[in-house]
Amino acid sequence: MRTPLRPLQRRAAGPTPRLLAAATVVAFAAWQQAATAAPPPWAAMPASLLPLRLPVAESPGWTLGAEASDFEASDATPARALSGDWKRYSPRRGRNVALQSARLQLGAARAGWEFAAVLRSDVLISGTRSAFDLVHDFKQHLAPAEGSRFDLGTEARGAVWAGLRVAHSWALWSSAQEQPRLLLTGAATLLSARRAEKIDTAGSASWSAAAGYTLQASGLRLQSFRSFSGFGNAGATGAGYSVDVGLLWRPGAGSFVNLSAVDLLSSLRIGNVATQRLGANSSTRSQNPDGSIDYQPLLSGRYSAETLSLKLAPKWSAIAGWAFAGERGPWRLGARWERVDGLDLPALWAELPLGKGWQGQLDAETRFRVLGVGLRWRGAALMLRSRSLGWGRSNAIGWQAGLSLPL
């Protein structure tokens, strides 16, 4: 007996496009309703420069999120010219630093729990003003000023890692009639270290026409992505962990204070890392035809392969925000303070209603004097940061993009 398959297929296939279209409309309407709901005050503020720990969404349904950002800054040179010839050189008094903080996160949150895949890069270079001056003279083939003395104390720490994170928020103070007023959040990340380095330099140098140039310096360099004369694995990787803690207080419906410590506890270990220990001594009066010093240092040291152990520098932050009623919607104003390895990054921020669901964002950081301008619409946000209009000449640049999709 033959079965009339084609008529049955036509009848079954008939309503399918209409059902799919209806399902799409319903899903889009549900997403619009969820996306247009007012976000918590701390979720509407401009993104911070460094990673921070905020409460996890408490919605009963799943919320998918993606965030990408990059911030680069240098006291002495344009951010993108740190490895160049330092033709543009404008150091600050005392300690000079160069900073890079980049992150990419894909996650899902529900009922106070968050699960995320994270990729992060953190680099911090710090040194004395005179150490930066000596590097500038060397790159520009300049003789130091008469009677110059240099303190060569510098250090650099950098790590690139990927990891899986679990976070949870607990309500410490709440009632059935109101939202939680005090939230404690903890996060733990198991990470895979893809690239890391540690560089320390100490010593002194001086220059005078009478005594010439003298140098006494020592240095330690560990770099997981290099090999020194066969020592070390140029592709060495390792593992580690990181723990974050956050505490948020809501004194009123439109105000909040958030304290955060990212990488409060951490450890990163990579084996078989190329290591260089170096001593340098120089005493010379020789100068090159262009007038720069012919340094001619005497070098002594050794190469080895060692285990690199690093603790990620804790990132501290304190943020406060207030909301004020306006004709087009609430205005939000706030202040932020971030700190990493002795470097303070204070800032003021604001979010302004533009109408039709659009929000304008402003963020003014005072340490590197960088201004951020951004837009937020429903669950999407974009911000650009720079110290000056010339992107390639700016000492501080950055961007941030985020997307949140309630399901």
Protein backbone atom coordinates (compact mmCIF):
# COMPACT_ATOMS: atom_id res chain seq x y z
CA MET A 1 0.00 0.00 0.00
CA ARG A 2 1.47 3.35 -1.02
CA THR A 3 1.31 6.29 1.43
CA PRO A 4 0.49 9.72 -0.03
CA LEU A 5 3.51 11.44 1.52
CA ARG A 6 3.54 14.60 -0.58
CA PRO A 7 0.01 15.81 0.33
CA LEU A 8 0.79 15.11 4.01
CA GLN A 9 4.09 17.03 3.71
CA ARG A 10 2.36 19.98 2.09
CA ARG A 11 -0.30 20.08 4.80
CA ALA A 12 2.31 19.81 7.58
CA ALA A 13 4.61 22.38 6.02
CA GLY A 14 1.85 24.91 5.38
CA PRO A 15 1.56 26.59 8.80
CA THR A 16 5.28 26.32 9.71
CA PRO A 17 6.40 29.74 8.33
CA ARG A 18 3.49 31.45 10.08
CA LEU A 19 4.30 29.73 13.37
CA LEU A 20 7.96 30.71 13.08
CA ALA A 21 7.02 34.31 12.29
CA ALA A 22 4.63 34.44 15.26
CA ALA A 23 7.26 32.95 17.57
CA THR A 24 9.80 35.50 16.35
CA VAL A 25 7.41 38.40 17.00
CA VAL A 26 6.58 37.11 20.49
CA ALA A 27 10.26 36.59 21.33
CA PHE A 28 11.22 40.04 20.04
CA ALA A 29 8.38 41.66 22.00
CA ALA A 30 9.47 39.86 25.16
CA TRP A 31 13.07 40.95 24.61
CA GLN A 32 11.97 44.56 24.03
CA GLN A 33 9.93 44.56 27.22
CA ALA A 34 12.83 43.14 29.24
CA ALA A 35 15.43 45.38 27.59
CA THR A 36 13.40 48.56 28.16
CA ALA A 37 13.02 47.81 31.87
CA ALA A 38 15.09 50.23 33.93
CA PRO A 39 18.44 48.62 34.79
CA PRO A 40 19.83 48.87 38.34
CA PRO A 41 21.65 52.18 38.90
CA TRP A 42 25.07 50.51 39.03
CA ALA A 43 24.43 48.71 35.71
CA ALA A 44 23.67 52.00 33.93
CA MET A 45 26.87 53.87 34.82
CA PRO A 46 29.81 54.19 32.37
CA ALA A 47 32.26 51.30 32.36
CA SER A 48 35.30 51.56 34.63
CA LEU A 49 38.90 51.66 33.38
CA LEU A 50 39.91 48.55 35.35
CA PRO A 51 37.93 45.36 36.02
CA LEU A 52 35.53 45.61 38.96
CA ARG A 53 33.10 43.35 40.77
CA LEU A 54 29.42 44.37 40.69
CA PRO A 55 26.36 42.41 41.89
CA VAL A 56 25.02 39.70 39.60
CA ALA A 57 21.60 40.19 38.01
CA GLU A 58 18.76 38.85 40.19
CA SER A 59 16.25 38.27 37.36
CA PRO A 60 14.48 34.88 37.37
CA GLY A 61 15.29 34.35 33.68
CA TRP A 62 18.62 34.03 31.95
CA THR A 63 20.51 37.13 30.82
CA LEU A 64 23.28 36.75 28.25
CA GLY A 65 26.04 39.34 28.30
CA ALA A 66 29.14 40.29 26.34
CA GLU A 67 31.70 42.96 27.14
CA ALA A 68 34.95 44.04 25.49
CA SER A 69 37.23 46.91 26.48
CA ASP A 70 40.76 48.22 26.18
CA PHE A 71 42.50 51.10 27.97
CA GLU A 72 46.09 52.19 27.38
CA ALA A 73 47.89 55.11 29.02
CA SER A 74 51.43 56.39 29.42
CA ASP A 75 52.76 59.36 31.38
CA ALA A 76 55.82 60.03 29.25
CA THR A 77 54.82 59.17 25.66
CA PRO A 78 51.73 58.68 23.50
CA ALA A 79 50.05 55.41 24.47
CA ARG A 80 50.67 53.80 21.07
CA ALA A 81 54.31 55.00 20.88
CA LEU A 82 55.75 53.45 24.04
CA SER A 83 57.93 51.06 22.03
CA GLY A 84 58.86 53.77 19.49
CA ASP A 85 61.59 56.41 19.44
CA TRP A 86 60.01 58.64 22.13
CA LYS A 87 60.17 61.70 19.89
CA ARG A 88 57.11 62.99 21.75
CA TYR A 89 58.21 62.94 25.38
CA SER A 90 56.40 64.66 28.26
CA PRO A 91 57.10 62.87 31.58
CA ARG A 92 55.61 63.83 34.91
CA ARG A 93 57.51 64.51 38.08
CA GLY A 94 58.28 61.56 40.30
CA ARG A 95 57.02 58.12 39.37
CA ASN A 96 56.08 57.54 35.72
CA VAL A 97 53.89 54.65 34.63
CA ALA A 98 52.52 52.98 31.52
CA LEU A 99 49.33 50.95 31.84
CA GLN A 100 47.31 48.60 29.65
CA SER A 101 44.11 46.86 30.72
CA ALA A 102 42.06 44.86 28.19
CA ARG A 103 39.29 42.35 28.74
CA LEU A 104 36.72 40.26 26.87
CA GLN A 105 33.91 38.50 28.69
CA LEU A 106 31.03 36.29 27.53
CA GLY A 107 28.64 35.17 30.21
CA ALA A 108 25.18 34.18 31.38
CA ALA A 109 23.47 35.18 34.63
CA ARG A 110 20.37 34.04 36.44
CA ALA A 111 18.97 34.44 39.98
CA GLY A 112 22.19 35.87 41.38
CA TRP A 113 24.54 33.40 39.66
CA GLU A 114 26.92 34.23 36.83
CA PHE A 115 28.96 31.91 34.61
CA ALA A 116 31.46 33.50 32.24
CA ALA A 117 34.42 32.89 29.96
CA VAL A 118 37.03 35.63 30.36
CA LEU A 119 40.10 36.76 28.43
CA ARG A 120 42.22 39.46 30.05
CA SER A 121 45.50 41.32 29.52
CA ASP A 122 47.12 43.43 32.25
CA VAL A 123 50.42 45.30 31.87
CA LEU A 124 51.92 47.85 34.26
CA ILE A 125 55.35 49.48 33.81
CA SER A 126 56.65 51.77 36.54
CA GLY A 127 59.89 53.69 36.94
CA THR A 128 61.55 56.81 38.28
CA ARG A 129 61.53 60.03 36.26
CA SER A 130 65.29 59.85 35.80
CA ALA A 131 65.10 56.26 34.48
CA PHE A 132 62.60 57.41 31.85
CA ASP A 133 64.87 60.39 31.04
CA LEU A 134 67.84 58.10 30.41
CA VAL A 135 65.78 55.88 28.10
CA HIS A 136 64.63 58.98 26.21
CA ASP A 137 68.22 60.22 25.79
CA PHE A 138 69.30 56.81 24.54
CA LYS A 139 66.43 56.49 22.02
CA GLN A 140 66.95 60.04 20.74
CA HIS A 141 70.79 59.75 20.64
CA LEU A 142 71.17 62.66 23.04
CA ALA A 143 73.89 63.34 25.59
CA PRO A 144 72.50 63.80 29.12
CA ALA A 145 72.59 67.26 30.62
CA GLU A 146 75.75 68.24 32.48
CA GLY A 147 75.79 66.84 36.01
CA SER A 148 72.89 64.44 35.41
CA ARG A 149 72.29 61.64 37.92
CA PHE A 150 69.88 58.79 37.23
CA ASP A 151 68.09 56.38 39.53
CA LEU A 152 67.40 53.34 37.34
CA GLY A 153 64.69 51.73 39.49
CA THR A 154 62.05 50.27 37.15
CA GLU A 155 59.72 47.28 37.14
CA ALA A 156 57.29 45.75 34.69
CA ARG A 157 54.60 43.13 35.20
CA GLY A 158 52.40 41.69 32.48
CA ALA A 159 50.04 38.75 32.03
CA VAL A 160 47.60 37.51 29.41
CA TRP A 161 45.21 34.80 30.57
CA ALA A 162 41.94 33.08 29.78
CA GLY A 163 39.64 31.59 32.37
CA LEU A 164 36.24 30.35 33.49
CA ARG A 165 34.51 32.34 36.22
CA VAL A 166 31.68 31.63 38.65
CA ALA A 167 30.14 34.49 40.65
CA HIS A 168 27.28 34.74 43.12
CA SER A 169 25.57 37.55 45.03
CA TRP A 170 24.05 37.23 48.51
CA ALA A 171 21.51 39.63 50.01
CA LEU A 172 22.71 40.56 53.49
CA TRP A 173 20.04 43.14 54.26
CA SER A 174 16.60 43.01 52.65
CA SER A 175 12.90 42.66 53.33
CA ALA A 176 9.88 41.37 51.44
CA GLN A 177 8.75 44.92 50.65
CA GLU A 178 11.97 46.25 49.11
CA GLN A 179 14.95 45.24 47.00
CA PRO A 180 18.10 44.14 48.84
CA ARG A 181 19.92 47.11 50.34
CA LEU A 182 23.21 45.31 51.01
CA LEU A 183 24.67 42.79 48.54
CA LEU A 184 27.85 40.76 48.91
CA THR A 185 29.32 39.28 45.72
CA GLY A 186 32.12 36.76 45.39
CA ALA A 187 33.75 35.40 42.24
CA ALA A 188 36.33 32.70 41.59
CA THR A 189 38.20 32.18 38.31
CA LEU A 190 40.27 29.24 37.18
CA LEU A 191 42.69 30.65 34.66
CA SER A 192 45.11 29.48 32.00
CA ALA A 193 48.14 31.76 31.68
CA ARG A 194 48.96 32.32 28.03
CA ARG A 195 51.75 34.90 28.35
CA ALA A 196 53.56 36.57 31.26
CA GLU A 197 56.65 38.60 32.03
CA LYS A 198 58.46 40.09 35.02
CA ILE A 199 61.26 42.67 34.66
CA ASP A 200 63.15 44.44 37.46
CA THR A 201 66.02 46.90 37.08
CA ALA A 202 68.04 48.72 39.76
CA GLY A 203 71.14 50.85 39.75
CA SER A 204 72.44 54.34 39.09
CA ALA A 205 74.20 56.34 36.38
CA SER A 206 75.75 59.81 36.11
CA TRP A 207 77.27 62.09 33.50
CA SER A 208 79.60 65.06 33.65
CA ALA A 209 82.17 66.45 31.23
CA ALA A 210 84.90 66.02 33.83
CA ALA A 211 84.16 62.50 35.07
CA GLY A 212 82.47 61.11 31.94
CA TYR A 213 79.68 58.56 32.06
CA THR A 214 79.46 55.92 34.80
CA LEU A 215 76.88 53.16 35.18
CA GLN A 216 76.23 50.42 37.70
CA ALA A 217 73.06 48.41 37.18
CA SER A 218 71.54 44.98 37.65
CA GLY A 219 68.47 43.43 36.10
CA LEU A 220 66.21 40.39 36.20
CA ARG A 221 64.02 39.41 33.27
CA LEU A 222 61.59 36.48 32.98
CA GLN A 223 59.53 36.20 29.77
CA SER A 224 57.38 33.17 28.98
CA PHE A 225 57.22 34.00 25.25
CA ARG A 226 60.99 34.03 24.64
CA SER A 227 63.99 31.73 24.73
CA PHE A 228 67.45 32.95 25.77
CA SER A 229 70.27 30.98 24.06
CA GLY A 230 68.22 27.80 24.22
CA PHE A 231 67.03 28.32 27.80
CA GLY A 232 63.29 28.36 28.35
CA ASN A 233 60.28 27.40 26.26
CA ALA A 234 59.12 30.25 24.00
CA GLY A 235 55.55 28.92 24.21
CA ALA A 236 55.44 28.23 27.95
CA THR A 237 51.98 28.35 29.55
CA GLY A 238 50.70 27.79 33.06
CA ALA A 239 47.69 27.90 35.34
CA GLY A 240 46.36 29.76 38.33
CA TYR A 241 43.34 31.24 40.04
CA SER A 242 41.83 34.56 41.04
CA VAL A 243 39.24 35.62 43.64
CA ASP A 244 37.13 38.82 43.52
CA VAL A 245 34.93 40.38 46.21
CA GLY A 246 32.34 43.17 45.98
CA LEU A 247 30.02 44.87 48.46
CA LEU A 248 27.14 47.10 47.34
CA TRP A 249 25.00 49.31 49.59
CA ARG A 250 21.77 50.98 48.47
CA PRO A 251 20.92 53.81 50.90
CA GLY A 252 18.00 54.85 48.67
CA ALA A 253 16.07 53.84 45.57
CA GLY A 254 18.29 55.80 43.17
CA SER A 255 21.63 55.80 44.97
CA PHE A 256 24.33 53.21 45.59
CA VAL A 257 27.88 52.74 46.89
CA ASN A 258 29.96 49.82 45.60
CA LEU A 259 33.30 48.62 46.99
CA SER A 260 35.23 46.15 44.85
CA ALA A 261 38.46 44.16 45.02
CA VAL A 262 39.36 42.26 41.84
CA ASP A 263 42.22 39.74 42.02
CA LEU A 264 42.15 40.11 45.80
CA LEU A 265 43.67 36.63 46.01
CA SER A 266 45.51 35.24 43.02
CA SER A 267 48.33 33.03 41.89
CA LEU A 268 49.83 32.33 38.48
CA ARG A 269 52.64 29.83 37.79
CA ILE A 270 54.42 29.06 34.53
CA GLY A 271 57.28 26.57 34.32
CA ASN A 272 60.37 26.53 32.08
CA VAL A 273 60.39 30.32 31.58
CA ALA A 274 63.39 31.98 29.93
CA THR A 275 65.30 33.92 32.62
CA GLN A 276 68.11 36.45 32.38
CA ARG A 277 70.16 37.84 35.26
CA LEU A 278 72.38 40.69 34.15
CA GLY A 279 74.89 43.11 35.60
CA ALA A 280 76.16 46.14 33.68
CA ASN A 281 79.08 48.46 34.42
CA SER A 282 80.36 51.33 32.35
CA SER A 283 82.91 54.11 32.76
CA THR A 284 83.60 56.04 29.57
CA ARG A 285 84.24 59.48 28.16
CA SER A 286 83.66 58.36 24.57
CA GLN A 287 80.97 60.04 22.50
CA ASN A 288 79.54 59.22 19.10
CA PRO A 289 79.86 61.69 16.18
CA ASP A 290 76.32 62.95 16.89
CA GLY A 291 77.29 63.87 20.46
CA SER A 292 75.54 60.97 22.17
CA ILE A 293 77.38 58.77 24.65
CA ASP A 294 79.17 55.66 23.42
CA TYR A 295 78.02 53.66 26.43
CA GLN A 296 80.23 50.57 25.96
CA PRO A 297 78.93 48.73 29.04
CA LEU A 298 80.67 45.66 30.43
CA LEU A 299 78.02 42.98 30.78
CA SER A 300 78.01 39.92 33.01
CA GLY A 301 75.21 37.51 33.73
CA ARG A 302 73.66 34.16 33.01
CA TYR A 303 70.65 32.58 31.33
CA SER A 304 68.47 29.89 32.88
CA ALA A 305 64.98 28.39 32.76
CA GLU A 306 62.92 28.94 35.90
CA THR A 307 59.35 28.87 37.19
CA LEU A 308 57.63 32.23 37.04
CA SER A 309 55.28 32.85 39.97
CA LEU A 310 53.14 35.97 39.84
CA LYS A 311 50.37 37.45 41.91
CA LEU A 312 48.02 39.58 39.84
CA ALA A 313 47.98 43.12 41.20
CA PRO A 314 44.72 43.70 43.14
CA LYS A 315 42.39 46.26 41.52
CA TRP A 316 40.56 48.27 44.18
CA SER A 317 37.61 50.52 43.47
CA ALA A 318 34.98 52.58 45.25
CA ILE A 319 32.02 53.96 43.26
CA ALA A 320 29.07 56.10 44.34
CA GLY A 321 26.09 57.14 42.23
CA TRP A 322 22.92 59.20 42.64
CA ALA A 323 19.81 59.51 40.44
CA PHE A 324 17.75 62.68 39.92
CA ALA A 325 14.37 62.96 38.22
CA GLY A 326 14.27 64.75 34.84
CA GLU A 327 11.72 65.46 32.14
CA ARG A 328 13.09 62.79 29.76
CA GLY A 329 14.13 60.36 32.45
CA PRO A 330 16.50 60.06 35.41
CA TRP A 331 19.86 61.82 35.46
CA ARG A 332 22.64 59.86 37.11
CA LEU A 333 25.78 61.42 38.57
CA GLY A 334 28.62 59.75 40.38
CA ALA A 335 32.26 59.51 41.40
CA ARG A 336 34.72 56.64 41.05
CA TRP A 337 38.13 55.85 42.52
CA GLU A 338 40.28 53.00 41.21
CA ARG A 339 43.70 51.87 42.42
CA VAL A 340 46.23 49.32 41.16
CA ASP A 341 49.78 48.87 42.45
CA GLY A 342 49.90 52.35 44.00
CA LEU A 343 48.39 54.06 40.95
CA ASP A 344 45.22 56.05 41.73
CA LEU A 345 42.61 56.74 39.02
CA PRO A 346 39.89 59.11 40.33
CA ALA A 347 36.99 60.01 38.03
CA LEU A 348 33.60 61.71 37.80
CA TRP A 349 30.82 60.31 35.62
CA ALA A 350 27.32 61.14 34.45
CA GLU A 351 24.50 59.58 32.43
CA LEU A 352 22.03 61.91 30.72
CA PRO A 353 18.65 60.99 29.14
CA LEU A 354 18.49 61.85 25.41
CA GLY A 355 14.99 60.58 24.67
CA LYS A 356 13.50 57.51 22.94
CA GLY A 357 15.45 55.18 25.20
CA TRP A 358 18.87 56.67 24.41
CA GLN A 359 21.26 57.66 27.21
CA GLY A 360 24.40 59.76 26.86
CA GLN A 361 27.40 58.94 29.06
CA LEU A 362 30.35 61.08 30.16
CA ASP A 363 33.38 59.88 32.12
CA ALA A 364 36.24 62.20 33.19
CA GLU A 365 39.35 60.54 34.70
CA THR A 366 41.78 62.99 36.33
CA ARG A 367 45.09 61.04 36.67
CA PHE A 368 45.73 60.69 32.94
CA ARG A 369 43.17 63.43 32.16
CA VAL A 370 41.16 61.29 29.77
CA LEU A 371 37.55 62.00 28.74
CA GLY A 372 35.10 59.29 27.78
CA VAL A 373 31.96 59.87 25.70
CA GLY A 374 29.42 57.12 25.14
CA LEU A 375 25.90 56.06 24.30
CA ARG A 376 23.63 53.48 25.86
CA TRP A 377 20.43 52.13 24.33
CA ARG A 378 18.53 49.43 26.15
CA GLY A 379 21.01 46.61 26.64
CA ALA A 380 23.78 47.98 24.40
CA ALA A 381 26.54 50.46 25.31
CA LEU A 382 29.55 51.96 23.53
CA MET A 383 32.16 54.42 24.86
CA LEU A 384 35.34 55.97 23.41
CA ARG A 385 38.05 57.52 25.58
CA SER A 386 40.98 59.79 24.75
CA ARG A 387 43.11 62.51 26.28
CA SER A 388 43.23 64.49 23.02
CA LEU A 389 41.53 64.46 19.63
CA GLY A 390 44.63 63.06 17.92
CA TRP A 391 44.25 59.34 18.67
CA GLY A 392 47.84 58.50 17.72
CA ARG A 393 49.27 61.40 19.73
CA SER A 394 47.18 60.88 22.86
CA ASN A 395 48.82 59.69 26.09
CA ALA A 396 45.62 57.84 27.05
CA ILE A 397 43.12 56.07 24.80
CA GLY A 398 40.44 53.45 25.25
CA TRP A 399 37.10 52.02 24.25
CA GLN A 400 34.39 49.82 25.71
CA ALA A 401 31.43 47.95 24.22
CA GLY A 402 28.80 45.90 26.00
CA LEU A 403 25.61 44.00 25.17
CA SER A 404 23.03 42.46 27.50
CA LEU A 405 20.21 40.23 26.20
CA PRO A 406 17.49 39.09 28.63
CA LEU A 407 15.90 35.80 27.58
